[in-house]
PDB file of all heavy atoms in Angstrom:
ATOM      1  N   ARG A   1      98.772   0.513  45.325  1.00  0.00           N
ATOM      2  CA  ARG A   1      99.956   0.405  46.203  1.00  0.00           C
ATOM      3  C   ARG A   1      99.728  -0.666  47.282  1.00  0.00           C
ATOM      4  O   ARG A   1     100.701  -1.306  47.721  1.00  0.00           O
ATOM      5  CB  ARG A   1     100.256   1.756  46.799  1.00  0.00           C
ATOM      6  CG  ARG A   1     101.463   1.782  47.754  1.00  0.00           C
ATOM      7  CD  ARG A   1     101.901   3.191  48.048  1.00  0.00           C
ATOM      8  NE  ARG A   1     102.600   3.789  46.953  1.00  0.00           N
ATOM      9  CZ  ARG A   1     103.927   3.719  46.837  1.00  0.00           C
ATOM     10  NH1 ARG A   1     104.673   3.060  47.723  1.00  0.00           N
ATOM     11  NH2 ARG A   1     104.538   4.285  45.852  1.00  0.00           N
ATOM     12  N   ARG A   2      98.507  -0.838  47.742  1.00  0.00           N
ATOM     13  CA  ARG A   2      98.236  -1.811  48.801  1.00  0.00           C
ATOM     14  C   ARG A   2      98.591  -3.222  48.380  1.00  0.00           C
ATOM     15  O   ARG A   2      98.910  -4.053  49.185  1.00  0.00           O
ATOM     16  CB  ARG A   2      96.755  -1.751  49.238  1.00  0.00           C
ATOM     17  CG  ARG A   2      96.455  -0.494  49.950  1.00  0.00           C
ATOM     18  CD  ARG A   2      95.235  -0.505  50.815  1.00  0.00           C
ATOM     19  NE  ARG A   2      94.205  -1.504  50.533  1.00  0.00           N
ATOM     20  CZ  ARG A   2      93.249  -1.784  51.398  1.00  0.00           C
ATOM     21  NH1 ARG A   2      93.192  -1.154  52.543  1.00  0.00           N
ATOM     22  NH2 ARG A   2      92.339  -2.679  51.108  1.00  0.00           N
ATOM     23  N   GLY A   3      98.548  -3.506  47.072  1.00  0.00           N
ATOM     24  CA  GLY A   3      98.866  -4.850  46.633  1.00  0.00           C
ATOM     25  C   GLY A   3     100.336  -5.051  46.338  1.00  0.00           C
ATOM     26  O   GLY A   3     100.799  -6.165  46.120  1.00  0.00           O
ATOM     27  N   ARG A   4     101.142  -3.949  46.345  1.00  0.00           N
ATOM     28  CA  ARG A   4     102.529  -4.088  45.953  1.00  0.00           C
ATOM     29  C   ARG A   4     103.399  -4.790  47.005  1.00  0.00           C
ATOM     30  O   ARG A   4     104.406  -5.391  46.677  1.00  0.00           O
ATOM     31  CB  ARG A   4     103.122  -2.745  45.635  1.00  0.00           C
ATOM     32  CG  ARG A   4     102.547  -2.182  44.332  1.00  0.00           C
ATOM     33  CD  ARG A   4     103.152  -0.847  43.970  1.00  0.00           C
ATOM     34  NE  ARG A   4     102.511  -0.339  42.755  1.00  0.00           N
ATOM     35  CZ  ARG A   4     102.657   0.896  42.318  1.00  0.00           C
ATOM     36  NH1 ARG A   4     103.360   1.744  43.031  1.00  0.00           N
ATOM     37  NH2 ARG A   4     102.039   1.278  41.229  1.00  0.00           N
ATOM     38  N   ALA A   5     102.990  -4.706  48.272  1.00  0.00           N
ATOM     39  CA  ALA A   5     103.744  -5.407  49.308  1.00  0.00           C
ATOM     40  C   ALA A   5     103.728  -6.893  49.075  1.00  0.00           C
ATOM     41  O   ALA A   5     104.798  -7.578  49.157  1.00  0.00           O
ATOM     42  CB  ALA A   5     103.186  -5.077  50.695  1.00  0.00           C
ATOM     43  N   GLN A   6     102.563  -7.429  48.707  1.00  0.00           N
ATOM     44  CA  GLN A   6     102.480  -8.872  48.378  1.00  0.00           C
ATOM     45  C   GLN A   6     103.313  -9.166  47.148  1.00  0.00           C
ATOM     46  O   GLN A   6     104.009 -10.202  47.075  1.00  0.00           O
ATOM     47  CB  GLN A   6     101.018  -9.246  48.148  1.00  0.00           C
ATOM     48  CG  GLN A   6     100.805 -10.654  47.716  1.00  0.00           C
ATOM     49  CD  GLN A   6     100.529 -11.628  48.861  1.00  0.00           C
ATOM     50  OE1 GLN A   6     100.482 -11.189  49.999  1.00  0.00           O
ATOM     51  NE2 GLN A   6     100.342 -12.874  48.561  1.00  0.00           N
ATOM     52  N   ALA A   7     103.223  -8.316  46.145  1.00  0.00           N
ATOM     53  CA  ALA A   7     103.993  -8.534  44.905  1.00  0.00           C
ATOM     54  C   ALA A   7     105.479  -8.524  45.178  1.00  0.00           C
ATOM     55  O   ALA A   7     106.208  -9.328  44.612  1.00  0.00           O
ATOM     56  CB  ALA A   7     103.620  -7.470  43.858  1.00  0.00           C
ATOM     57  N   ASP A   8     105.931  -7.609  46.029  1.00  0.00           N
ATOM     58  CA  ASP A   8     107.346  -7.519  46.360  1.00  0.00           C
ATOM     59  C   ASP A   8     107.856  -8.785  47.034  1.00  0.00           C
ATOM     60  O   ASP A   8     108.947  -9.282  46.750  1.00  0.00           O
ATOM     61  CB  ASP A   8     107.645  -6.304  47.238  1.00  0.00           C
ATOM     62  CG  ASP A   8     107.459  -4.982  46.486  1.00  0.00           C
ATOM     63  OD1 ASP A   8     107.475  -5.036  45.237  1.00  0.00           O
ATOM     64  OD2 ASP A   8     107.329  -3.951  47.122  1.00  0.00           O
ATOM     65  N   SER A   9     107.018  -9.308  47.964  1.00  0.00           N
ATOM     66  CA  SER A   9     107.454 -10.530  48.670  1.00  0.00           C
ATOM     67  C   SER A   9     107.483 -11.720  47.701  1.00  0.00           C
ATOM     68  O   SER A   9     108.339 -12.578  47.818  1.00  0.00           O
ATOM     69  CB  SER A   9     106.498 -10.838  49.816  1.00  0.00           C
ATOM     70  OG  SER A   9     105.197 -11.169  49.354  1.00  0.00           O
ATOM     71  N   LEU A  10     106.549 -11.749  46.757  1.00  0.00           N
ATOM     72  CA  LEU A  10     106.550 -12.813  45.748  1.00  0.00           C
ATOM     73  C   LEU A  10     107.754 -12.661  44.828  1.00  0.00           C
ATOM     74  O   LEU A  10     108.377 -13.637  44.421  1.00  0.00           O
ATOM     75  CB  LEU A  10     105.279 -12.751  44.919  1.00  0.00           C
ATOM     76  CG  LEU A  10     103.988 -13.106  45.682  1.00  0.00           C
ATOM     77  CD1 LEU A  10     102.779 -12.839  44.810  1.00  0.00           C
ATOM     78  CD2 LEU A  10     104.023 -14.534  46.157  1.00  0.00           C
ATOM     79  N   ARG A  11     108.105 -11.415  44.507  1.00  0.00           N
ATOM     80  CA  ARG A  11     109.235 -11.205  43.611  1.00  0.00           C
ATOM     81  C   ARG A  11     110.547 -11.677  44.289  1.00  0.00           C
ATOM     82  O   ARG A  11     111.431 -12.171  43.632  1.00  0.00           O
ATOM     83  CB  ARG A  11     109.337  -9.734  43.257  1.00  0.00           C
ATOM     84  CG  ARG A  11     110.255  -9.443  42.068  1.00  0.00           C
ATOM     85  CD  ARG A  11     110.191  -8.003  41.684  1.00  0.00           C
ATOM     86  NE  ARG A  11     108.983  -7.748  40.867  1.00  0.00           N
ATOM     87  CZ  ARG A  11     107.940  -7.068  41.279  1.00  0.00           C
ATOM     88  NH1 ARG A  11     107.916  -6.562  42.491  1.00  0.00           N
ATOM     89  NH2 ARG A  11     106.888  -6.886  40.499  1.00  0.00           N
ATOM     90  N   ARG A  12     110.649 -11.457  45.606  1.00  0.00           N
ATOM     91  CA  ARG A  12     111.822 -11.929  46.333  1.00  0.00           C
ATOM     92  C   ARG A  12     111.910 -13.436  46.344  1.00  0.00           C
ATOM     93  O   ARG A  12     112.991 -13.985  46.436  1.00  0.00           O
ATOM     94  CB  ARG A  12     111.798 -11.392  47.756  1.00  0.00           C
ATOM     95  CG  ARG A  12     112.112  -9.920  47.883  1.00  0.00           C
ATOM     96  CD  ARG A  12     112.362  -9.517  49.335  1.00  0.00           C
ATOM     97  NE  ARG A  12     111.185  -9.679  50.166  1.00  0.00           N
ATOM     98  CZ  ARG A  12     110.271  -8.738  50.353  1.00  0.00           C
ATOM     99  NH1 ARG A  12     110.388  -7.554  49.781  1.00  0.00           N
ATOM    100  NH2 ARG A  12     109.220  -8.940  51.128  1.00  0.00           N
ATOM    101  N   ALA A  13     110.745 -14.112  46.249  1.00  0.00           N
ATOM    102  CA  ALA A  13     110.726 -15.558  46.244  1.00  0.00           C
ATOM    103  C   ALA A  13     111.258 -16.129  44.947  1.00  0.00           C
ATOM    104  O   ALA A  13     111.656 -17.293  44.873  1.00  0.00           O
ATOM    105  CB  ALA A  13     109.316 -16.077  46.517  1.00  0.00           C
ATOM    106  N   ARG A  14     111.226 -15.307  43.901  1.00  0.00           N
ATOM    107  CA  ARG A  14     111.669 -15.774  42.589  1.00  0.00           C
ATOM    108  C   ARG A  14     113.188 -15.677  42.527  1.00  0.00           C
ATOM    109  O   ARG A  14     113.787 -14.590  42.542  1.00  0.00           O
ATOM    110  CB  ARG A  14     111.022 -14.884  41.514  1.00  0.00           C
ATOM    111  CG  ARG A  14     111.105 -15.421  40.139  1.00  0.00           C
ATOM    112  CD  ARG A  14     110.247 -14.592  39.208  1.00  0.00           C
ATOM    113  NE  ARG A  14     110.512 -13.141  39.385  1.00  0.00           N
ATOM    114  CZ  ARG A  14     109.832 -12.195  38.725  1.00  0.00           C
ATOM    115  NH1 ARG A  14     108.848 -12.535  37.939  1.00  0.00           N
ATOM    116  NH2 ARG A  14     110.132 -10.926  38.915  1.00  0.00           N
ATOM    117  N   GLN A  15     113.843 -16.801  42.538  1.00  0.00           N
ATOM    118  CA  GLN A  15     115.288 -16.834  42.620  1.00  0.00           C
ATOM    119  C   GLN A  15     115.905 -17.437  41.334  1.00  0.00           C
ATOM    120  O   GLN A  15     115.306 -18.291  40.696  1.00  0.00           O
ATOM    121  CB  GLN A  15     115.759 -17.694  43.811  1.00  0.00           C
ATOM    122  CG  GLN A  15     115.221 -17.182  45.125  1.00  0.00           C
ATOM    123  CD  GLN A  15     115.771 -18.030  46.290  1.00  0.00           C
ATOM    124  OE1 GLN A  15     116.851 -18.583  46.209  1.00  0.00           O
ATOM    125  NE2 GLN A  15     115.006 -18.124  47.357  1.00  0.00           N
ATOM    126  N   ASP A  16     117.080 -16.918  41.019  1.00  0.00           N
ATOM    127  CA  ASP A  16     117.859 -17.561  39.911  1.00  0.00           C
ATOM    128  C   ASP A  16     118.568 -18.778  40.473  1.00  0.00           C
ATOM    129  O   ASP A  16     119.392 -18.668  41.363  1.00  0.00           O
ATOM    130  CB  ASP A  16     118.861 -16.561  39.334  1.00  0.00           C
ATOM    131  CG  ASP A  16     118.152 -15.391  38.635  1.00  0.00           C
ATOM    132  OD1 ASP A  16     117.057 -15.595  38.126  1.00  0.00           O
ATOM    133  OD2 ASP A  16     118.724 -14.260  38.673  1.00  0.00           O
ATOM    134  N   THR A  17     118.201 -19.939  39.946  1.00  0.00           N
ATOM    135  CA  THR A  17     118.757 -21.181  40.509  1.00  0.00           C
ATOM    136  C   THR A  17     119.401 -21.984  39.378  1.00  0.00           C
ATOM    137  O   THR A  17     119.165 -21.794  38.187  1.00  0.00           O
ATOM    138  CB  THR A  17     117.660 -22.039  41.157  1.00  0.00           C
ATOM    139  OG1 THR A  17     116.648 -22.288  40.179  1.00  0.00           O
ATOM    140  CG2 THR A  17     117.026 -21.255  42.330  1.00  0.00           C
ATOM    141  N   VAL A  18     120.232 -22.933  39.823  1.00  0.00           N
ATOM    142  CA  VAL A  18     120.800 -23.924  38.887  1.00  0.00           C
ATOM    143  C   VAL A  18     120.028 -25.211  39.057  1.00  0.00           C
ATOM    144  O   VAL A  18     119.843 -25.700  40.170  1.00  0.00           O
ATOM    145  CB  VAL A  18     122.302 -24.145  39.191  1.00  0.00           C
ATOM    146  CG1 VAL A  18     122.844 -25.248  38.298  1.00  0.00           C
ATOM    147  CG2 VAL A  18     123.067 -22.851  38.963  1.00  0.00           C
ATOM    148  N   ALA A  19     119.562 -25.758  37.941  1.00  0.00           N
ATOM    149  CA  ALA A  19     118.735 -26.958  37.984  1.00  0.00           C
ATOM    150  C   ALA A  19     119.598 -28.177  37.626  1.00  0.00           C
ATOM    151  O   ALA A  19     120.348 -28.118  36.632  1.00  0.00           O
ATOM    152  CB  ALA A  19     117.555 -26.813  37.028  1.00  0.00           C
ATOM    153  N   ARG A  20     119.411 -29.274  38.358  1.00  0.00           N
ATOM    154  CA  ARG A  20     120.060 -30.539  38.035  1.00  0.00           C
ATOM    155  C   ARG A  20     119.063 -31.430  37.329  1.00  0.00           C
ATOM    156  O   ARG A  20     118.080 -31.871  37.910  1.00  0.00           O
ATOM    157  CB  ARG A  20     120.575 -31.223  39.308  1.00  0.00           C
ATOM    158  CG  ARG A  20     121.764 -30.545  39.965  1.00  0.00           C
ATOM    159  CD  ARG A  20     122.319 -31.349  41.083  1.00  0.00           C
ATOM    160  NE  ARG A  20     121.431 -31.460  42.232  1.00  0.00           N
ATOM    161  CZ  ARG A  20     121.015 -32.593  42.760  1.00  0.00           C
ATOM    162  NH1 ARG A  20     121.390 -33.746  42.256  1.00  0.00           N
ATOM    163  NH2 ARG A  20     120.204 -32.585  43.802  1.00  0.00           N
ATOM    164  N   LEU A  21     119.294 -31.640  36.046  1.00  0.00           N
ATOM    165  CA  LEU A  21     118.412 -32.492  35.269  1.00  0.00           C
ATOM    166  C   LEU A  21     118.566 -33.930  35.648  1.00  0.00           C
ATOM    167  O   LEU A  21     119.613 -34.364  36.189  1.00  0.00           O
ATOM    168  CB  LEU A  21     118.669 -32.321  33.758  1.00  0.00           C
ATOM    169  CG  LEU A  21     118.425 -30.895  33.212  1.00  0.00           C
ATOM    170  CD1 LEU A  21     118.773 -30.856  31.753  1.00  0.00           C
ATOM    171  CD2 LEU A  21     116.968 -30.494  33.421  1.00  0.00           C
ATOM    172  N   ALA A  22     117.545 -34.741  35.393  1.00  0.00           N
ATOM    173  CA  ALA A  22     117.539 -36.161  35.758  1.00  0.00           C
ATOM    174  C   ALA A  22     118.662 -36.930  35.042  1.00  0.00           C
ATOM    175  O   ALA A  22     119.133 -37.972  35.528  1.00  0.00           O
ATOM    176  CB  ALA A  22     116.196 -36.799  35.481  1.00  0.00           C
ATOM    177  N   ASP A  23     119.095 -36.414  33.915  1.00  0.00           N
ATOM    178  CA  ASP A  23     120.182 -37.108  33.164  1.00  0.00           C
ATOM    179  C   ASP A  23     121.563 -36.713  33.630  1.00  0.00           C
ATOM    180  O   ASP A  23     122.571 -37.105  33.038  1.00  0.00           O
ATOM    181  CB  ASP A  23     120.036 -36.858  31.660  1.00  0.00           C
ATOM    182  CG  ASP A  23     120.101 -35.379  31.318  1.00  0.00           C
ATOM    183  OD1 ASP A  23     120.472 -34.568  32.206  1.00  0.00           O
ATOM    184  OD2 ASP A  23     119.807 -35.041  30.137  1.00  0.00           O
ATOM    185  N   GLY A  24     121.655 -35.871  34.704  1.00  0.00           N
ATOM    186  CA  GLY A  24     122.948 -35.504  35.305  1.00  0.00           C
ATOM    187  C   GLY A  24     123.458 -34.141  34.868  1.00  0.00           C
ATOM    188  O   GLY A  24     124.371 -33.620  35.485  1.00  0.00           O
ATOM    189  N   ARG A  25     122.906 -33.545  33.839  1.00  0.00           N
ATOM    190  CA  ARG A  25     123.374 -32.235  33.403  1.00  0.00           C
ATOM    191  C   ARG A  25     122.843 -31.125  34.345  1.00  0.00           C
ATOM    192  O   ARG A  25     121.791 -31.321  34.986  1.00  0.00           O
ATOM    193  CB  ARG A  25     122.886 -31.946  31.977  1.00  0.00           C
ATOM    194  CG  ARG A  25     123.515 -32.826  30.931  1.00  0.00           C
ATOM    195  CD  ARG A  25     122.961 -32.455  29.524  1.00  0.00           C
ATOM    196  NE  ARG A  25     121.547 -32.716  29.404  1.00  0.00           N
ATOM    197  CZ  ARG A  25     120.660 -31.856  28.973  1.00  0.00           C
ATOM    198  NH1 ARG A  25     121.053 -30.633  28.604  1.00  0.00           N
ATOM    199  NH2 ARG A  25     119.386 -32.164  28.890  1.00  0.00           N
ATOM    200  N   THR A  26     123.563 -30.021  34.386  1.00  0.00           N
ATOM    201  CA  THR A  26     123.090 -28.836  35.143  1.00  0.00           C
ATOM    202  C   THR A  26     122.867 -27.686  34.178  1.00  0.00           C
ATOM    203  O   THR A  26     123.724 -27.444  33.291  1.00  0.00           O
ATOM    204  CB  THR A  26     124.120 -28.425  36.214  1.00  0.00           C
ATOM    205  OG1 THR A  26     125.362 -28.145  35.601  1.00  0.00           O
ATOM    206  CG2 THR A  26     124.285 -29.533  37.238  1.00  0.00           C
ATOM    207  N   VAL A  27     121.751 -26.998  34.357  1.00  0.00           N
ATOM    208  CA  VAL A  27     121.421 -25.867  33.481  1.00  0.00           C
ATOM    209  C   VAL A  27     120.872 -24.757  34.364  1.00  0.00           C
ATOM    210  O   VAL A  27     120.388 -25.001  35.441  1.00  0.00           O
ATOM    211  CB  VAL A  27     120.377 -26.269  32.403  1.00  0.00           C
ATOM    212  CG1 VAL A  27     120.940 -27.353  31.491  1.00  0.00           C
ATOM    213  CG2 VAL A  27     119.084 -26.712  33.057  1.00  0.00           C
ATOM    214  N   PRO A  28     120.914 -23.524  33.886  1.00  0.00           N
ATOM    215  CA  PRO A  28     120.285 -22.401  34.639  1.00  0.00           C
ATOM    216  C   PRO A  28     118.774 -22.647  34.716  1.00  0.00           C
ATOM    217  O   PRO A  28     118.152 -23.190  33.777  1.00  0.00           O
ATOM    218  CB  PRO A  28     120.589 -21.193  33.815  1.00  0.00           C
ATOM    219  CG  PRO A  28     121.748 -21.571  32.949  1.00  0.00           C
ATOM    220  CD  PRO A  28     121.610 -23.008  32.713  1.00  0.00           C
ATOM    221  N   GLY A  29     118.175 -22.219  35.805  1.00  0.00           N
ATOM    222  CA  GLY A  29     116.727 -22.400  35.967  1.00  0.00           C
ATOM    223  C   GLY A  29     115.943 -21.675  34.871  1.00  0.00           C
ATOM    224  O   GLY A  29     114.867 -22.120  34.503  1.00  0.00           O
ATOM    225  N   THR A  30     116.520 -20.598  34.315  1.00  0.00           N
ATOM    226  CA  THR A  30     115.828 -19.831  33.279  1.00  0.00           C
ATOM    227  C   THR A  30     115.820 -20.582  31.947  1.00  0.00           C
ATOM    228  O   THR A  30     115.100 -20.159  31.027  1.00  0.00           O
ATOM    229  CB  THR A  30     116.492 -18.494  33.098  1.00  0.00           C
ATOM    230  OG1 THR A  30     117.888 -18.666  32.887  1.00  0.00           O
ATOM    231  CG2 THR A  30     116.299 -17.604  34.343  1.00  0.00           C
ATOM    232  N   ALA A  31     116.629 -21.649  31.838  1.00  0.00           N
ATOM    233  CA  ALA A  31     116.712 -22.381  30.555  1.00  0.00           C
ATOM    234  C   ALA A  31     115.804 -23.615  30.568  1.00  0.00           C
ATOM    235  O   ALA A  31     115.807 -24.375  29.592  1.00  0.00           O
ATOM    236  CB  ALA A  31     118.153 -22.807  30.292  1.00  0.00           C
ATOM    237  N   LEU A  32     115.064 -23.848  31.645  1.00  0.00           N
ATOM    238  CA  LEU A  32     114.212 -25.042  31.690  1.00  0.00           C
ATOM    239  C   LEU A  32     113.075 -24.963  30.731  1.00  0.00           C
ATOM    240  O   LEU A  32     112.524 -23.885  30.494  1.00  0.00           O
ATOM    241  CB  LEU A  32     113.692 -25.238  33.133  1.00  0.00           C
ATOM    242  CG  LEU A  32     114.732 -25.637  34.211  1.00  0.00           C
ATOM    243  CD1 LEU A  32     114.076 -25.602  35.565  1.00  0.00           C
ATOM    244  CD2 LEU A  32     115.275 -27.011  33.907  1.00  0.00           C
ATOM    245  N   GLU A  33     112.716 -26.091  30.144  1.00  0.00           N
ATOM    246  CA  GLU A  33     111.604 -26.188  29.234  1.00  0.00           C
ATOM    247  C   GLU A  33     110.524 -27.090  29.840  1.00  0.00           C
ATOM    248  O   GLU A  33     110.786 -27.904  30.724  1.00  0.00           O
ATOM    249  CB  GLU A  33     112.030 -26.762  27.887  1.00  0.00           C
ATOM    250  CG  GLU A  33     113.025 -25.864  27.131  1.00  0.00           C
ATOM    251  CD  GLU A  33     112.389 -24.571  26.631  1.00  0.00           C
ATOM    252  OE1 GLU A  33     111.148 -24.603  26.447  1.00  0.00           O
ATOM    253  OE2 GLU A  33     113.098 -23.572  26.453  1.00  0.00           O
TER     254      GLU A  33
END
């Protein structure tokens, strides 16, 4: 349990984002390769 506080803060840092590719397209961050 003592390690879960750090894990929770890291989990909050993980965000669902939209990525702008260099060629101009936008894709969900989860679709990046």
